[in-house]
């Protein structure tokens, strides 16, 4: 009898140790992977540009969590986000407050800086094209992102833990391209009517420091599969605090004065574009 009681006691002790090790309550560090689908759009603080529509982007990344307490984790990691959104530019080519957005691309398709004082006759070199009457622009961006957030969790309920996330995000701009709809295209040899410019590299017209700071808040749930391994689903709202573009463009203008000698003084486009996104994250934590 004593042997049976000893065997049962030993079995219960081993089982207790096994399940205690299988719990994630005491795990100080968790690592995971995620993918995200995200509707994205631009908002603007300039009256010359308004939101046209919402694009659809995606992201992926490595997730790391550091346990601060049973209900609070510090969350960070690294990932990539591919975003896009469209804007409409104001177009008023003939009235007293003329506004006609344009820019010059050289023979290689690179944006050409428009400097005050250039003579009108020298504005376009051979192979240059002046695109004017830009009415719509679709922008695609690529960022390397690092979240910095606090995750607050409930106790486990039937295998589920529910959580809220509040924090920020640091992004490094890697790439930005635009697709523009224009009304006129002018060269040294004449002009053509409406068309579309695809894959215009606008990176050098972006903010001088290619960093983005933003708010990242969300709600979600994770389901424990075994031990510390869990599946999770969360929905986040992201809002950029920093401008994607230069405050005043060096390449895009909306009008110009020409003096009696033909010297041009440009009116430059003011730019203020801020990314918004709803991110739907799915992933696994180990």
C-alpha atoms as a PDB file:
ATOM      1  CA  UNK A   1       0.000   0.000   0.000  1.00  0.00           C
ATOM      2  CA  UNK A   2       2.811   2.337   0.916  1.00  0.00           C
ATOM      3  CA  UNK A   3       4.473   1.595  -2.439  1.00  0.00           C
ATOM      4  CA  UNK A   4       1.241   2.446  -4.304  1.00  0.00           C
ATOM      5  CA  UNK A   5       0.832   5.708  -2.372  1.00  0.00           C
ATOM      6  CA  UNK A   6       4.473   6.549  -3.089  1.00  0.00           C
ATOM      7  CA  UNK A   7       4.011   5.804  -6.790  1.00  0.00           C
ATOM      8  CA  UNK A   8       0.828   7.926  -6.971  1.00  0.00           C
ATOM      9  CA  UNK A   9       2.482  10.769  -5.091  1.00  0.00           C
ATOM     10  CA  UNK A  10       5.530  10.639  -7.347  1.00  0.00           C
ATOM     11  CA  UNK A  11       3.319  10.587 -10.463  1.00  0.00           C
ATOM     12  CA  UNK A  12       1.295  13.587  -9.268  1.00  0.00           C
ATOM     13  CA  UNK A  13       4.487  15.481  -8.436  1.00  0.00           C
ATOM     14  CA  UNK A  14       5.985  14.810 -11.873  1.00  0.00           C
ATOM     15  CA  UNK A  15       2.737  15.808 -13.578  1.00  0.00           C
ATOM     16  CA  UNK A  16       2.598  18.990 -11.568  1.00  0.00           C
ATOM     17  CA  UNK A  17       6.172  19.824 -12.546  1.00  0.00           C
ATOM     18  CA  UNK A  18       5.431  19.022 -16.197  1.00  0.00           C
ATOM     19  CA  UNK A  19       2.404  21.308 -16.401  1.00  0.00           C
ATOM     20  CA  UNK A  20       4.167  24.029 -14.454  1.00  0.00           C
ATOM     21  CA  UNK A  21       6.963  23.987 -17.040  1.00  0.00           C
ATOM     22  CA  UNK A  22       4.334  23.907 -19.800  1.00  0.00           C
ATOM     23  CA  UNK A  23       2.782  27.184 -18.606  1.00  0.00           C
ATOM     24  CA  UNK A  24       3.892  30.507 -20.010  1.00  0.00           C
ATOM     25  CA  UNK A  25       3.147  32.425 -16.790  1.00  0.00           C
ATOM     26  CA  UNK A  26       6.778  32.421 -15.666  1.00  0.00           C
ATOM     27  CA  UNK A  27       8.441  32.750 -19.048  1.00  0.00           C
ATOM     28  CA  UNK A  28      10.429  35.976 -19.141  1.00  0.00           C
ATOM     29  CA  UNK A  29      10.874  36.196 -22.896  1.00  0.00           C
ATOM     30  CA  UNK A  30       8.757  35.188 -25.894  1.00  0.00           C
ATOM     31  CA  UNK A  31       9.589  35.257 -29.578  1.00  0.00           C
ATOM     32  CA  UNK A  32       7.165  35.105 -32.469  1.00  0.00           C
ATOM     33  CA  UNK A  33       6.298  35.838 -36.072  1.00  0.00           C
ATOM     34  CA  UNK A  34       3.440  37.812 -37.578  1.00  0.00           C
ATOM     35  CA  UNK A  35       1.922  38.814 -40.896  1.00  0.00           C
ATOM     36  CA  UNK A  36      -0.504  41.687 -41.410  1.00  0.00           C
ATOM     37  CA  UNK A  37      -2.988  42.926 -43.944  1.00  0.00           C
ATOM     38  CA  UNK A  38      -3.590  46.661 -43.713  1.00  0.00           C
ATOM     39  CA  UNK A  39      -5.934  49.185 -45.332  1.00  0.00           C
ATOM     40  CA  UNK A  40      -3.833  52.375 -45.571  1.00  0.00           C
ATOM     41  CA  UNK A  41      -4.509  56.008 -46.484  1.00  0.00           C
ATOM     42  CA  UNK A  42      -2.918  59.454 -46.353  1.00  0.00           C
ATOM     43  CA  UNK A  43      -4.230  62.483 -44.529  1.00  0.00           C
ATOM     44  CA  UNK A  44      -2.875  65.962 -45.254  1.00  0.00           C
ATOM     45  CA  UNK A  45      -2.565  69.229 -43.347  1.00  0.00           C
ATOM     46  CA  UNK A  46      -2.347  71.191 -46.622  1.00  0.00           C
ATOM     47  CA  UNK A  47      -5.474  72.385 -48.437  1.00  0.00           C
ATOM     48  CA  UNK A  48      -3.967  71.655 -51.877  1.00  0.00           C
ATOM     49  CA  UNK A  49      -4.052  67.877 -51.287  1.00  0.00           C
ATOM     50  CA  UNK A  50      -6.986  65.733 -50.179  1.00  0.00           C
ATOM     51  CA  UNK A  51      -7.443  62.032 -49.591  1.00  0.00           C
ATOM     52  CA  UNK A  52      -8.571  60.208 -52.735  1.00  0.00           C
ATOM     53  CA  UNK A  53      -8.930  56.666 -51.510  1.00  0.00           C
ATOM     54  CA  UNK A  54      -7.717  53.810 -49.355  1.00  0.00           C
ATOM     55  CA  UNK A  55      -5.088  51.371 -50.552  1.00  0.00           C
ATOM     56  CA  UNK A  56      -4.263  47.910 -49.271  1.00  0.00           C
ATOM     57  CA  UNK A  57      -0.827  47.051 -47.970  1.00  0.00           C
ATOM     58  CA  UNK A  58       0.766  44.251 -46.034  1.00  0.00           C
ATOM     59  CA  UNK A  59       3.488  43.669 -43.504  1.00  0.00           C
ATOM     60  CA  UNK A  60       5.444  40.980 -41.701  1.00  0.00           C
ATOM     61  CA  UNK A  61       7.813  40.836 -38.810  1.00  0.00           C
ATOM     62  CA  UNK A  62       9.562  39.299 -35.840  1.00  0.00           C
ATOM     63  CA  UNK A  63       7.823  39.853 -32.484  1.00  0.00           C
ATOM     64  CA  UNK A  64       9.602  39.898 -29.119  1.00  0.00           C
ATOM     65  CA  UNK A  65       7.900  40.154 -25.729  1.00  0.00           C
ATOM     66  CA  UNK A  66       9.517  40.769 -22.335  1.00  0.00           C
ATOM     67  CA  UNK A  67       7.421  39.872 -19.315  1.00  0.00           C
ATOM     68  CA  UNK A  68       7.181  42.717 -16.780  1.00  0.00           C
ATOM     69  CA  UNK A  69       4.447  41.079 -14.702  1.00  0.00           C
ATOM     70  CA  UNK A  70       1.690  38.505 -15.134  1.00  0.00           C
ATOM     71  CA  UNK A  71      -0.477  41.113 -16.854  1.00  0.00           C
ATOM     72  CA  UNK A  72       2.064  43.411 -18.542  1.00  0.00           C
ATOM     73  CA  UNK A  73       4.577  42.736 -21.319  1.00  0.00           C
ATOM     74  CA  UNK A  74       6.970  45.052 -23.134  1.00  0.00           C
ATOM     75  CA  UNK A  75       6.635  44.455 -26.890  1.00  0.00           C
ATOM     76  CA  UNK A  76       9.135  45.247 -29.630  1.00  0.00           C
ATOM     77  CA  UNK A  77      10.626  43.526 -32.697  1.00  0.00           C
ATOM     78  CA  UNK A  78      11.393  44.374 -36.293  1.00  0.00           C
ATOM     79  CA  UNK A  79       9.409  44.127 -39.493  1.00  0.00           C
ATOM     80  CA  UNK A  80       8.663  45.451 -42.943  1.00  0.00           C
ATOM     81  CA  UNK A  81       5.558  47.407 -43.990  1.00  0.00           C
ATOM     82  CA  UNK A  82       4.462  47.972 -47.581  1.00  0.00           C
ATOM     83  CA  UNK A  83       1.866  50.732 -47.748  1.00  0.00           C
ATOM     84  CA  UNK A  84       0.073  52.881 -50.300  1.00  0.00           C
ATOM     85  CA  UNK A  85      -2.513  55.610 -50.557  1.00  0.00           C
ATOM     86  CA  UNK A  86      -3.813  58.140 -53.078  1.00  0.00           C
ATOM     87  CA  UNK A  87      -4.363  61.900 -52.996  1.00  0.00           C
ATOM     88  CA  UNK A  88      -6.021  64.479 -55.244  1.00  0.00           C
ATOM     89  CA  UNK A  89      -4.204  67.729 -55.989  1.00  0.00           C
ATOM     90  CA  UNK A  90      -6.050  70.980 -56.408  1.00  0.00           C
ATOM     91  CA  UNK A  91      -6.224  71.979 -60.105  1.00  0.00           C
ATOM     92  CA  UNK A  92      -7.100  75.563 -61.020  1.00  0.00           C
ATOM     93  CA  UNK A  93      -5.075  76.452 -64.136  1.00  0.00           C
ATOM     94  CA  UNK A  94      -6.721  79.679 -65.295  1.00  0.00           C
ATOM     95  CA  UNK A  95      -8.329  81.619 -62.440  1.00  0.00           C
ATOM     96  CA  UNK A  96      -6.809  84.445 -60.382  1.00  0.00           C
ATOM     97  CA  UNK A  97      -5.531  81.974 -57.769  1.00  0.00           C
ATOM     98  CA  UNK A  98      -3.936  79.643 -60.325  1.00  0.00           C
ATOM     99  CA  UNK A  99      -2.828  76.284 -58.989  1.00  0.00           C
ATOM    100  CA  UNK A 100      -1.318  73.850 -61.459  1.00  0.00           C
ATOM    101  CA  UNK A 101       1.045  71.267 -59.954  1.00  0.00           C
ATOM    102  CA  UNK A 102       3.947  70.236 -62.161  1.00  0.00           C
ATOM    103  CA  UNK A 103       7.503  68.906 -62.188  1.00  0.00           C
ATOM    104  CA  UNK A 104      10.333  68.101 -64.615  1.00  0.00           C
ATOM    105  CA  UNK A 105      11.739  64.617 -65.279  1.00  0.00           C
ATOM    106  CA  UNK A 106      15.053  64.342 -67.094  1.00  0.00           C
ATOM    107  CA  UNK A 107      15.894  61.809 -69.800  1.00  0.00           C
ATOM    108  CA  UNK A 108      16.466  59.075 -67.200  1.00  0.00           C
ATOM    109  CA  UNK A 109      13.115  59.688 -65.497  1.00  0.00           C
ATOM    110  CA  UNK A 110      14.689  61.402 -62.466  1.00  0.00           C
ATOM    111  CA  UNK A 111      13.102  64.432 -60.793  1.00  0.00           C
ATOM    112  CA  UNK A 112      14.934  67.635 -61.692  1.00  0.00           C
ATOM    113  CA  UNK A 113      15.353  70.364 -59.087  1.00  0.00           C
ATOM    114  CA  UNK A 114      13.733  73.643 -60.138  1.00  0.00           C
ATOM    115  CA  UNK A 115      15.921  76.532 -58.974  1.00  0.00           C
ATOM    116  CA  UNK A 116      14.832  80.157 -58.898  1.00  0.00           C
ATOM    117  CA  UNK A 117      16.602  82.338 -61.445  1.00  0.00           C
ATOM    118  CA  UNK A 118      16.705  79.777 -64.256  1.00  0.00           C
ATOM    119  CA  UNK A 119      15.878  81.333 -67.613  1.00  0.00           C
ATOM    120  CA  UNK A 120      12.595  80.194 -69.107  1.00  0.00           C
ATOM    121  CA  UNK A 121      14.331  79.253 -72.343  1.00  0.00           C
ATOM    122  CA  UNK A 122      16.688  76.938 -70.412  1.00  0.00           C
ATOM    123  CA  UNK A 123      14.059  75.290 -68.241  1.00  0.00           C
ATOM    124  CA  UNK A 124      13.999  72.133 -70.346  1.00  0.00           C
ATOM    125  CA  UNK A 125      17.190  70.499 -71.564  1.00  0.00           C
ATOM    126  CA  UNK A 126      17.127  67.973 -74.387  1.00  0.00           C
ATOM    127  CA  UNK A 127      15.278  64.895 -73.143  1.00  0.00           C
ATOM    128  CA  UNK A 128      13.547  66.713 -70.260  1.00  0.00           C
ATOM    129  CA  UNK A 129       9.774  66.653 -69.935  1.00  0.00           C
ATOM    130  CA  UNK A 130       7.634  69.055 -67.919  1.00  0.00           C
ATOM    131  CA  UNK A 131       4.490  67.349 -66.576  1.00  0.00           C
ATOM    132  CA  UNK A 132       1.778  69.761 -65.475  1.00  0.00           C
ATOM    133  CA  UNK A 133      -1.776  69.603 -64.285  1.00  0.00           C
ATOM    134  CA  UNK A 134      -1.011  66.783 -61.836  1.00  0.00           C
ATOM    135  CA  UNK A 135      -4.437  65.902 -60.461  1.00  0.00           C
ATOM    136  CA  UNK A 136      -3.915  62.536 -58.756  1.00  0.00           C
ATOM    137  CA  UNK A 137      -0.985  60.803 -57.113  1.00  0.00           C
ATOM    138  CA  UNK A 138      -0.752  57.261 -55.757  1.00  0.00           C
ATOM    139  CA  UNK A 139       2.180  56.760 -53.392  1.00  0.00           C
ATOM    140  CA  UNK A 140       3.721  53.415 -52.457  1.00  0.00           C
ATOM    141  CA  UNK A 141       6.183  53.228 -49.575  1.00  0.00           C
ATOM    142  CA  UNK A 142       8.378  50.603 -47.928  1.00  0.00           C
ATOM    143  CA  UNK A 143       9.441  50.952 -44.289  1.00  0.00           C
ATOM    144  CA  UNK A 144      11.505  48.938 -41.847  1.00  0.00           C
ATOM    145  CA  UNK A 145       9.527  49.258 -38.603  1.00  0.00           C
ATOM    146  CA  UNK A 146      10.261  48.791 -34.902  1.00  0.00           C
ATOM    147  CA  UNK A 147       7.294  48.802 -32.495  1.00  0.00           C
ATOM    148  CA  UNK A 148       7.750  49.973 -28.907  1.00  0.00           C
ATOM    149  CA  UNK A 149       4.630  49.210 -26.885  1.00  0.00           C
ATOM    150  CA  UNK A 150       3.096  47.995 -23.635  1.00  0.00           C
ATOM    151  CA  UNK A 151       0.825  44.943 -23.823  1.00  0.00           C
ATOM    152  CA  UNK A 152      -1.738  44.448 -21.042  1.00  0.00           C
ATOM    153  CA  UNK A 153      -3.215  40.948 -20.767  1.00  0.00           C
ATOM    154  CA  UNK A 154      -6.097  39.333 -18.898  1.00  0.00           C
ATOM    155  CA  UNK A 155      -5.794  36.034 -17.093  1.00  0.00           C
ATOM    156  CA  UNK A 156      -6.325  32.952 -19.235  1.00  0.00           C
ATOM    157  CA  UNK A 157     -10.005  32.173 -19.858  1.00  0.00           C
ATOM    158  CA  UNK A 158     -10.739  28.817 -21.527  1.00  0.00           C
ATOM    159  CA  UNK A 159      -7.361  28.915 -23.287  1.00  0.00           C
ATOM    160  CA  UNK A 160      -7.709  32.567 -24.343  1.00  0.00           C
ATOM    161  CA  UNK A 161      -5.985  35.692 -23.102  1.00  0.00           C
ATOM    162  CA  UNK A 162      -7.284  39.072 -24.232  1.00  0.00           C
ATOM    163  CA  UNK A 163      -5.014  42.075 -24.483  1.00  0.00           C
ATOM    164  CA  UNK A 164      -4.679  45.726 -25.320  1.00  0.00           C
ATOM    165  CA  UNK A 165      -1.594  47.358 -26.803  1.00  0.00           C
ATOM    166  CA  UNK A 166      -0.593  51.004 -26.512  1.00  0.00           C
ATOM    167  CA  UNK A 167       2.645  52.529 -27.704  1.00  0.00           C
ATOM    168  CA  UNK A 168       4.545  53.859 -30.646  1.00  0.00           C
ATOM    169  CA  UNK A 169       6.471  52.818 -33.714  1.00  0.00           C
ATOM    170  CA  UNK A 170       9.726  53.900 -35.300  1.00  0.00           C
ATOM    171  CA  UNK A 171      10.038  53.459 -39.065  1.00  0.00           C
ATOM    172  CA  UNK A 172      12.949  53.870 -41.481  1.00  0.00           C
ATOM    173  CA  UNK A 173      11.910  54.815 -45.027  1.00  0.00           C
ATOM    174  CA  UNK A 174      13.532  52.528 -47.578  1.00  0.00           C
ATOM    175  CA  UNK A 175      11.556  53.333 -50.705  1.00  0.00           C
ATOM    176  CA  UNK A 176       8.843  55.689 -51.960  1.00  0.00           C
ATOM    177  CA  UNK A 177       7.393  55.696 -55.482  1.00  0.00           C
ATOM    178  CA  UNK A 178       4.533  57.609 -57.091  1.00  0.00           C
ATOM    179  CA  UNK A 179       2.112  57.101 -59.951  1.00  0.00           C
ATOM    180  CA  UNK A 180       0.830  60.452 -61.254  1.00  0.00           C
ATOM    181  CA  UNK A 181      -1.998  61.431 -63.550  1.00  0.00           C
ATOM    182  CA  UNK A 182      -1.131  64.564 -65.539  1.00  0.00           C
ATOM    183  CA  UNK A 183      -2.990  66.860 -67.927  1.00  0.00           C
ATOM    184  CA  UNK A 184      -0.117  68.076 -70.162  1.00  0.00           C
ATOM    185  CA  UNK A 185       3.429  66.940 -70.953  1.00  0.00           C
ATOM    186  CA  UNK A 186       5.754  69.494 -72.536  1.00  0.00           C
ATOM    187  CA  UNK A 187       9.160  68.959 -74.199  1.00  0.00           C
ATOM    188  CA  UNK A 188      11.424  71.052 -76.411  1.00  0.00           C
ATOM    189  CA  UNK A 189       9.638  69.561 -79.390  1.00  0.00           C
ATOM    190  CA  UNK A 190       6.036  70.197 -78.352  1.00  0.00           C
ATOM    191  CA  UNK A 191       3.440  68.818 -75.976  1.00  0.00           C
ATOM    192  CA  UNK A 192       1.051  65.923 -75.477  1.00  0.00           C
ATOM    193  CA  UNK A 193      -2.196  65.553 -73.556  1.00  0.00           C
ATOM    194  CA  UNK A 194      -3.276  63.571 -70.505  1.00  0.00           C
ATOM    195  CA  UNK A 195      -1.411  60.476 -69.390  1.00  0.00           C
ATOM    196  CA  UNK A 196       0.063  58.624 -66.421  1.00  0.00           C
ATOM    197  CA  UNK A 197       3.598  58.572 -65.041  1.00  0.00           C
ATOM    198  CA  UNK A 198       4.386  55.311 -63.277  1.00  0.00           C
ATOM    199  CA  UNK A 199       7.119  54.458 -60.784  1.00  0.00           C
ATOM    200  CA  UNK A 200       8.360  58.019 -60.215  1.00  0.00           C
ATOM    201  CA  UNK A 201      11.100  57.947 -57.558  1.00  0.00           C
ATOM    202  CA  UNK A 202      10.063  60.572 -54.993  1.00  0.00           C
ATOM    203  CA  UNK A 203      12.472  59.431 -52.267  1.00  0.00           C
ATOM    204  CA  UNK A 204      14.646  62.532 -52.584  1.00  0.00           C
ATOM    205  CA  UNK A 205      11.575  64.752 -52.194  1.00  0.00           C
ATOM    206  CA  UNK A 206      10.793  62.909 -48.961  1.00  0.00           C
ATOM    207  CA  UNK A 207      11.619  64.199 -45.491  1.00  0.00           C
ATOM    208  CA  UNK A 208      15.331  64.933 -45.074  1.00  0.00           C
ATOM    209  CA  UNK A 209      15.634  62.462 -42.189  1.00  0.00           C
ATOM    210  CA  UNK A 210      14.043  59.194 -43.401  1.00  0.00           C
ATOM    211  CA  UNK A 211      12.534  58.372 -39.997  1.00  0.00           C
ATOM    212  CA  UNK A 212       8.873  58.042 -39.121  1.00  0.00           C
ATOM    213  CA  UNK A 213       7.354  58.165 -35.655  1.00  0.00           C
ATOM    214  CA  UNK A 214       3.780  57.193 -34.986  1.00  0.00           C
ATOM    215  CA  UNK A 215       1.132  55.932 -32.594  1.00  0.00           C
ATOM    216  CA  UNK A 216       0.236  52.243 -32.487  1.00  0.00           C
ATOM    217  CA  UNK A 217      -2.788  51.077 -30.437  1.00  0.00           C
ATOM    218  CA  UNK A 218      -4.754  47.858 -30.675  1.00  0.00           C
ATOM    219  CA  UNK A 219      -6.846  45.066 -29.192  1.00  0.00           C
ATOM    220  CA  UNK A 220      -6.482  41.330 -29.622  1.00  0.00           C
ATOM    221  CA  UNK A 221      -6.533  37.815 -28.246  1.00  0.00           C
ATOM    222  CA  UNK A 222      -4.137  34.902 -28.060  1.00  0.00           C
ATOM    223  CA  UNK A 223      -5.005  31.231 -27.755  1.00  0.00           C
ATOM    224  CA  UNK A 224      -2.617  28.849 -26.022  1.00  0.00           C
ATOM    225  CA  UNK A 225      -1.886  25.767 -28.096  1.00  0.00           C
ATOM    226  CA  UNK A 226       0.615  24.153 -25.738  1.00  0.00           C
ATOM    227  CA  UNK A 227       2.912  25.507 -23.085  1.00  0.00           C
ATOM    228  CA  UNK A 228       4.014  28.981 -24.114  1.00  0.00           C
ATOM    229  CA  UNK A 229       3.060  28.512 -27.775  1.00  0.00           C
ATOM    230  CA  UNK A 230       0.073  30.646 -28.705  1.00  0.00           C
ATOM    231  CA  UNK A 231      -1.704  31.877 -31.801  1.00  0.00           C
ATOM    232  CA  UNK A 232      -2.756  35.518 -31.756  1.00  0.00           C
ATOM    233  CA  UNK A 233      -4.993  37.885 -33.686  1.00  0.00           C
ATOM    234  CA  UNK A 234      -5.034  41.648 -33.168  1.00  0.00           C
ATOM    235  CA  UNK A 235      -6.378  44.775 -34.842  1.00  0.00           C
ATOM    236  CA  UNK A 236      -4.326  47.978 -34.539  1.00  0.00           C
ATOM    237  CA  UNK A 237      -4.713  51.609 -35.551  1.00  0.00           C
ATOM    238  CA  UNK A 238      -1.514  53.336 -36.695  1.00  0.00           C
ATOM    239  CA  UNK A 239      -1.125  57.093 -37.199  1.00  0.00           C
ATOM    240  CA  UNK A 240       2.102  58.737 -38.321  1.00  0.00           C
ATOM    241  CA  UNK A 241       3.161  61.895 -36.472  1.00  0.00           C
ATOM    242  CA  UNK A 242       5.864  62.793 -39.003  1.00  0.00           C
ATOM    243  CA  UNK A 243       5.544  64.068 -42.556  1.00  0.00           C
ATOM    244  CA  UNK A 244       6.433  61.650 -45.359  1.00  0.00           C
ATOM    245  CA  UNK A 245       7.572  64.548 -47.570  1.00  0.00           C
ATOM    246  CA  UNK A 246       9.602  67.733 -47.352  1.00  0.00           C
ATOM    247  CA  UNK A 247       7.490  70.563 -45.988  1.00  0.00           C
ATOM    248  CA  UNK A 248       8.179  72.505 -49.196  1.00  0.00           C
ATOM    249  CA  UNK A 249       9.064  70.598 -52.354  1.00  0.00           C
ATOM    250  CA  UNK A 250      12.258  71.300 -54.275  1.00  0.00           C
ATOM    251  CA  UNK A 251      10.832  69.614 -57.367  1.00  0.00           C
ATOM    252  CA  UNK A 252       7.080  70.266 -57.534  1.00  0.00           C
ATOM    253  CA  UNK A 253       5.740  73.751 -58.272  1.00  0.00           C
ATOM    254  CA  UNK A 254       2.261  75.148 -58.885  1.00  0.00           C
ATOM    255  CA  UNK A 255       3.055  78.462 -60.614  1.00  0.00           C
ATOM    256  CA  UNK A 256       5.938  80.755 -61.538  1.00  0.00           C
ATOM    257  CA  UNK A 257       6.681  84.429 -62.151  1.00  0.00           C
ATOM    258  CA  UNK A 258       8.808  85.346 -65.188  1.00  0.00           C
ATOM    259  CA  UNK A 259      10.602  88.717 -65.217  1.00  0.00           C
ATOM    260  CA  UNK A 260      11.418  90.800 -68.268  1.00  0.00           C
ATOM    261  CA  UNK A 261      14.694  88.927 -68.765  1.00  0.00           C
ATOM    262  CA  UNK A 262      12.996  85.523 -68.681  1.00  0.00           C
ATOM    263  CA  UNK A 263      14.236  84.603 -65.173  1.00  0.00           C
ATOM    264  CA  UNK A 264      11.755  82.400 -63.320  1.00  0.00           C
ATOM    265  CA  UNK A 265      10.710  82.453 -59.679  1.00  0.00           C
ATOM    266  CA  UNK A 266       8.757  79.362 -58.658  1.00  0.00           C
ATOM    267  CA  UNK A 267       5.878  78.898 -56.245  1.00  0.00           C
ATOM    268  CA  UNK A 268       6.612  75.586 -54.579  1.00  0.00           C
ATOM    269  CA  UNK A 269       4.106  72.978 -53.492  1.00  0.00           C
ATOM    270  CA  UNK A 270       3.628  72.731 -49.730  1.00  0.00           C
ATOM    271  CA  UNK A 271       3.537  69.106 -48.630  1.00  0.00           C
ATOM    272  CA  UNK A 272       2.096  67.441 -45.541  1.00  0.00           C
ATOM    273  CA  UNK A 273       1.296  63.735 -45.881  1.00  0.00           C
ATOM    274  CA  UNK A 274       0.707  61.465 -42.883  1.00  0.00           C
ATOM    275  CA  UNK A 275       0.081  57.726 -43.082  1.00  0.00           C
ATOM    276  CA  UNK A 276      -2.901  56.059 -41.426  1.00  0.00           C
ATOM    277  CA  UNK A 277      -3.482  52.302 -41.269  1.00  0.00           C
ATOM    278  CA  UNK A 278      -5.711  49.624 -39.805  1.00  0.00           C
ATOM    279  CA  UNK A 279      -3.449  46.625 -39.273  1.00  0.00           C
ATOM    280  CA  UNK A 280      -4.897  43.134 -38.913  1.00  0.00           C
ATOM    281  CA  UNK A 281      -2.136  40.996 -37.406  1.00  0.00           C
ATOM    282  CA  UNK A 282      -2.045  37.199 -37.289  1.00  0.00           C
ATOM    283  CA  UNK A 283       0.867  35.352 -35.755  1.00  0.00           C
ATOM    284  CA  UNK A 284       2.346  32.835 -33.367  1.00  0.00           C
ATOM    285  CA  UNK A 285       4.315  33.292 -30.137  1.00  0.00           C
ATOM    286  CA  UNK A 286       6.653  30.669 -28.694  1.00  0.00           C
END
